[in-house]
C-alpha atoms as a PDB file:
ATOM      1  CA  MET A   1      16.008 -19.877  -8.538  1.00  0.00           C
ATOM      2  CA  HIS A   2      15.658 -16.158  -7.848  1.00  0.00           C
ATOM      3  CA  GLU A   3      13.300 -16.693  -4.900  1.00  0.00           C
ATOM      4  CA  PHE A   4      15.583 -18.823  -3.153  1.00  0.00           C
ATOM      5  CA  SER A   5      18.361 -16.317  -2.990  1.00  0.00           C
ATOM      6  CA  ILE A   6      15.719 -13.494  -1.830  1.00  0.00           C
ATOM      7  CA  SER A   7      14.621 -16.040   0.626  1.00  0.00           C
ATOM      8  CA  SER A   8      17.949 -16.860   1.896  1.00  0.00           C
ATOM      9  CA  GLU A   9      18.579 -13.151   2.704  1.00  0.00           C
ATOM     10  CA  ILE A  10      15.287 -12.947   4.492  1.00  0.00           C
ATOM     11  CA  ALA A  11      15.476 -15.773   6.621  1.00  0.00           C
ATOM     12  CA  ASN A  12      19.317 -14.602   7.388  1.00  0.00           C
ATOM     13  CA  SER A  13      18.020 -11.393   8.145  1.00  0.00           C
ATOM     14  CA  VAL A  14      15.387 -12.608  10.773  1.00  0.00           C
ATOM     15  CA  LEU A  15      17.681 -14.914  12.480  1.00  0.00           C
ATOM     16  CA  ASP A  16      20.115 -12.416  12.912  1.00  0.00           C
ATOM     17  CA  ALA A  17      17.694  -9.918  14.340  1.00  0.00           C
ATOM     18  CA  ALA A  18      16.177 -12.707  16.605  1.00  0.00           C
ATOM     19  CA  GLY A  19      19.646 -13.851  17.966  1.00  0.00           C
ATOM     20  CA  LYS A  20      20.257  -9.726  18.421  1.00  0.00           C
ATOM     21  CA  ASN A  21      17.466  -9.528  20.533  1.00  0.00           C
ATOM     22  CA  LYS A  22      17.729 -12.701  22.397  1.00  0.00           C
ATOM     23  CA  GLY A  23      14.613 -14.127  20.945  1.00  0.00           C
ATOM     24  CA  LYS A  24      13.372 -17.610  22.044  1.00  0.00           C
ATOM     25  CA  LYS A  25      10.792 -18.116  19.357  1.00  0.00           C
ATOM     26  CA  VAL A  26      10.111 -16.119  15.927  1.00  0.00           C
ATOM     27  CA  LEU A  27       6.244 -16.443  15.837  1.00  0.00           C
ATOM     28  CA  SER A  28       5.662 -14.719  12.415  1.00  0.00           C
ATOM     29  CA  ILE A  29       7.541 -12.457  10.037  1.00  0.00           C
ATOM     30  CA  GLN A  30       5.619  -9.795   7.699  1.00  0.00           C
ATOM     31  CA  LEU A  31       6.957  -9.352   3.918  1.00  0.00           C
ATOM     32  CA  GLU A  32       5.900  -6.737   1.461  1.00  0.00           C
ATOM     33  CA  ILE A  33       6.781  -7.727  -2.060  1.00  0.00           C
ATOM     34  CA  GLY A  34       6.311  -5.361  -5.198  1.00  0.00           C
ATOM     35  CA  GLU A  35       4.486  -6.709  -8.204  1.00  0.00           C
ATOM     36  CA  LEU A  36       7.612  -5.671 -10.480  1.00  0.00           C
ATOM     37  CA  THR A  37       9.915  -8.058  -8.398  1.00  0.00           C
ATOM     38  CA  HIS A  38       8.301 -10.813 -10.125  1.00  0.00           C
ATOM     39  CA  LEU A  39       8.627 -12.772  -7.050  1.00  0.00           C
ATOM     40  CA  ASN A  40       6.353 -15.569  -6.519  1.00  0.00           C
ATOM     41  CA  GLY A  41       4.989 -15.314  -2.827  1.00  0.00           C
ATOM     42  CA  GLU A  42       4.166 -19.105  -2.538  1.00  0.00           C
ATOM     43  CA  GLN A  43       7.633 -19.842  -3.391  1.00  0.00           C
ATOM     44  CA  VAL A  44       9.257 -17.357  -1.229  1.00  0.00           C
ATOM     45  CA  ALA A  45       7.440 -18.654   1.837  1.00  0.00           C
ATOM     46  CA  PHE A  46       8.256 -22.166   1.129  1.00  0.00           C
ATOM     47  CA  TRP A  47      11.777 -21.846   0.968  1.00  0.00           C
ATOM     48  CA  VAL A  48      11.693 -18.988   3.933  1.00  0.00           C
ATOM     49  CA  HIS A  49       9.744 -22.188   5.879  1.00  0.00           C
ATOM     50  CA  GLU A  50      12.730 -24.631   4.663  1.00  0.00           C
ATOM     51  CA  LEU A  51      15.425 -22.305   5.710  1.00  0.00           C
ATOM     52  CA  PHE A  52      13.825 -22.007   9.043  1.00  0.00           C
ATOM     53  CA  LYS A  53      13.850 -25.567  10.110  1.00  0.00           C
ATOM     54  CA  GLY A  54      15.961 -26.504  12.890  1.00  0.00           C
ATOM     55  CA  SER A  55      15.918 -22.632  13.999  1.00  0.00           C
ATOM     56  CA  VAL A  56      14.301 -20.579  16.620  1.00  0.00           C
ATOM     57  CA  ALA A  57      12.098 -19.701  13.580  1.00  0.00           C
ATOM     58  CA  GLU A  58      11.032 -22.923  12.850  1.00  0.00           C
ATOM     59  CA  GLY A  59       7.336 -23.111  12.165  1.00  0.00           C
ATOM     60  CA  ALA A  60       6.875 -19.434  11.945  1.00  0.00           C
ATOM     61  CA  GLU A  61       3.914 -17.887  10.035  1.00  0.00           C
ATOM     62  CA  VAL A  62       5.094 -15.884   6.931  1.00  0.00           C
ATOM     63  CA  LYS A  63       2.819 -13.091   6.041  1.00  0.00           C
ATOM     64  CA  ILE A  64       3.116 -11.661   2.600  1.00  0.00           C
ATOM     65  CA  LYS A  65       1.556  -8.439   1.410  1.00  0.00           C
ATOM     66  CA  THR A  66       1.827  -7.764  -2.745  1.00  0.00           C
ATOM     67  CA  THR A  67       2.537  -4.106  -3.356  1.00  0.00           C
ATOM     68  CA  LYS A  68       0.705  -2.763  -6.603  1.00  0.00           C
ATOM     69  CA  VAL A  69       2.598  -0.787  -9.095  1.00  0.00           C
ATOM     70  CA  ARG A  70       2.412   2.818  -9.128  1.00  0.00           C
ATOM     71  CA  ILE A  71       3.872   5.091 -11.659  1.00  0.00           C
ATOM     72  CA  HIS A  72       4.775   8.654 -12.691  1.00  0.00           C
ATOM     73  CA  CYS A  73       4.514   9.288 -16.231  1.00  0.00           C
ATOM     74  CA  LYS A  74       6.913  12.313 -17.422  1.00  0.00           C
ATOM     75  CA  THR A  75       5.037  12.852 -20.461  1.00  0.00           C
ATOM     76  CA  CYS A  76       1.648  13.964 -19.052  1.00  0.00           C
ATOM     77  CA  GLY A  77       1.983  13.718 -15.477  1.00  0.00           C
ATOM     78  CA  TYR A  78      -0.051  10.674 -14.578  1.00  0.00           C
ATOM     79  CA  ARG A  79       0.291   9.492 -11.283  1.00  0.00           C
ATOM     80  CA  GLY A  80      -1.490   6.011 -10.372  1.00  0.00           C
ATOM     81  CA  GLY A  81      -1.638   2.556 -10.926  1.00  0.00           C
ATOM     82  CA  MET A  82      -1.220   0.840 -14.086  1.00  0.00           C
ATOM     83  CA  LYS A  83      -3.849  -1.023 -16.167  1.00  0.00           C
ATOM     84  CA  SER A  84      -3.000  -4.197 -17.985  1.00  0.00           C
ATOM     85  CA  ASN A  85      -5.046  -6.192 -20.375  1.00  0.00           C
ATOM     86  CA  GLN A  86      -2.188  -8.749 -20.089  1.00  0.00           C
ATOM     87  CA  GLU A  87      -2.947 -11.668 -17.851  1.00  0.00           C
ATOM     88  CA  ASP A  88      -0.740 -14.017 -18.914  1.00  0.00           C
ATOM     89  CA  PHE A  89       2.781 -15.126 -17.795  1.00  0.00           C
ATOM     90  CA  PHE A  90       4.480 -12.920 -20.401  1.00  0.00           C
ATOM     91  CA  ARG A  91       3.014  -9.941 -19.593  1.00  0.00           C
ATOM     92  CA  HIS A  92       6.401  -8.763 -17.624  1.00  0.00           C
ATOM     93  CA  LEU A  93       8.180  -8.550 -20.556  1.00  0.00           C
ATOM     94  CA  MET A  94       6.003  -6.031 -22.094  1.00  0.00           C
ATOM     95  CA  PRO A  95       7.462  -2.374 -21.827  1.00  0.00           C
ATOM     96  CA  LEU A  96       5.292  -0.167 -18.964  1.00  0.00           C
ATOM     97  CA  THR A  97       3.582   2.255 -20.821  1.00  0.00           C
ATOM     98  CA  CYS A  98       1.221   5.115 -19.106  1.00  0.00           C
ATOM     99  CA  PRO A  99      -2.421   4.228 -18.933  1.00  0.00           C
ATOM    100  CA  ARG A 100      -3.422   7.634 -19.931  1.00  0.00           C
ATOM    101  CA  CYS A 101      -1.205   8.632 -22.991  1.00  0.00           C
ATOM    102  CA  ASN A 102       0.546   5.326 -23.531  1.00  0.00           C
ATOM    103  CA  GLY A 103       3.941   7.101 -23.041  1.00  0.00           C
ATOM    104  CA  ILE A 104       7.029   5.072 -22.121  1.00  0.00           C
ATOM    105  CA  GLN A 105       8.742   7.893 -19.937  1.00  0.00           C
ATOM    106  CA  ILE A 106       7.480   6.585 -16.766  1.00  0.00           C
ATOM    107  CA  ARG A 107       9.234   5.755 -13.451  1.00  0.00           C
ATOM    108  CA  ALA A 108       7.763   3.156 -11.058  1.00  0.00           C
ATOM    109  CA  VAL A 109       7.187   4.824  -8.063  1.00  0.00           C
ATOM    110  CA  LYS A 110       5.988   1.727  -5.847  1.00  0.00           C
ATOM    111  CA  GLY A 111       6.246  -1.999  -7.034  1.00  0.00           C
ATOM    112  CA  ARG A 112       9.647  -2.942  -6.850  1.00  0.00           C
ATOM    113  CA  GLU A 113      10.195  -3.324  -3.226  1.00  0.00           C
ATOM    114  CA  CYS A 114      10.938  -6.380  -1.103  1.00  0.00           C
ATOM    115  CA  ILE A 115      10.674  -5.663   2.424  1.00  0.00           C
ATOM    116  CA  LEU A 116      10.608  -7.476   5.761  1.00  0.00           C
ATOM    117  CA  ARG A 117       8.075  -5.360   7.593  1.00  0.00           C
ATOM    118  CA  ARG A 118       7.899  -6.937  10.859  1.00  0.00           C
ATOM    119  CA  ILE A 119       9.410  -9.836  12.862  1.00  0.00           C
ATOM    120  CA  GLN A 120       7.331 -11.360  15.802  1.00  0.00           C
ATOM    121  CA  VAL A 121       9.380 -12.839  18.663  1.00  0.00           C
ATOM    122  CA  ILE A 122       9.053 -14.212  22.149  1.00  0.00           C
ATOM    123  CA  LYS A 123      11.720 -13.059  24.482  1.00  0.00           C
END
């Protein structure tokens, strides 16, 4: 239920912002979700739609952009994306390693965020 709790926070933030700005109707919201959050975008959109029911945001379009992982390796200095040959569900259990030197002293620069980027409202 990871998606439900995050979706609840998103819905609350949208409805709060719409109320503070005297919004009559929320048309759409734009989310940016990083790959390392392990959030399922379809489930987030489903729960947000459910939580919007009966409010000024009911029927609002939920747009989701996935942010790719970007890392910095402290061992070799590599900066860039991850190359994963693990395409299955369990790939997130594998430790992140540098694609250049296979080092494990890496820092995720992007890919951990869950950001509400835009709310489109009619006043």
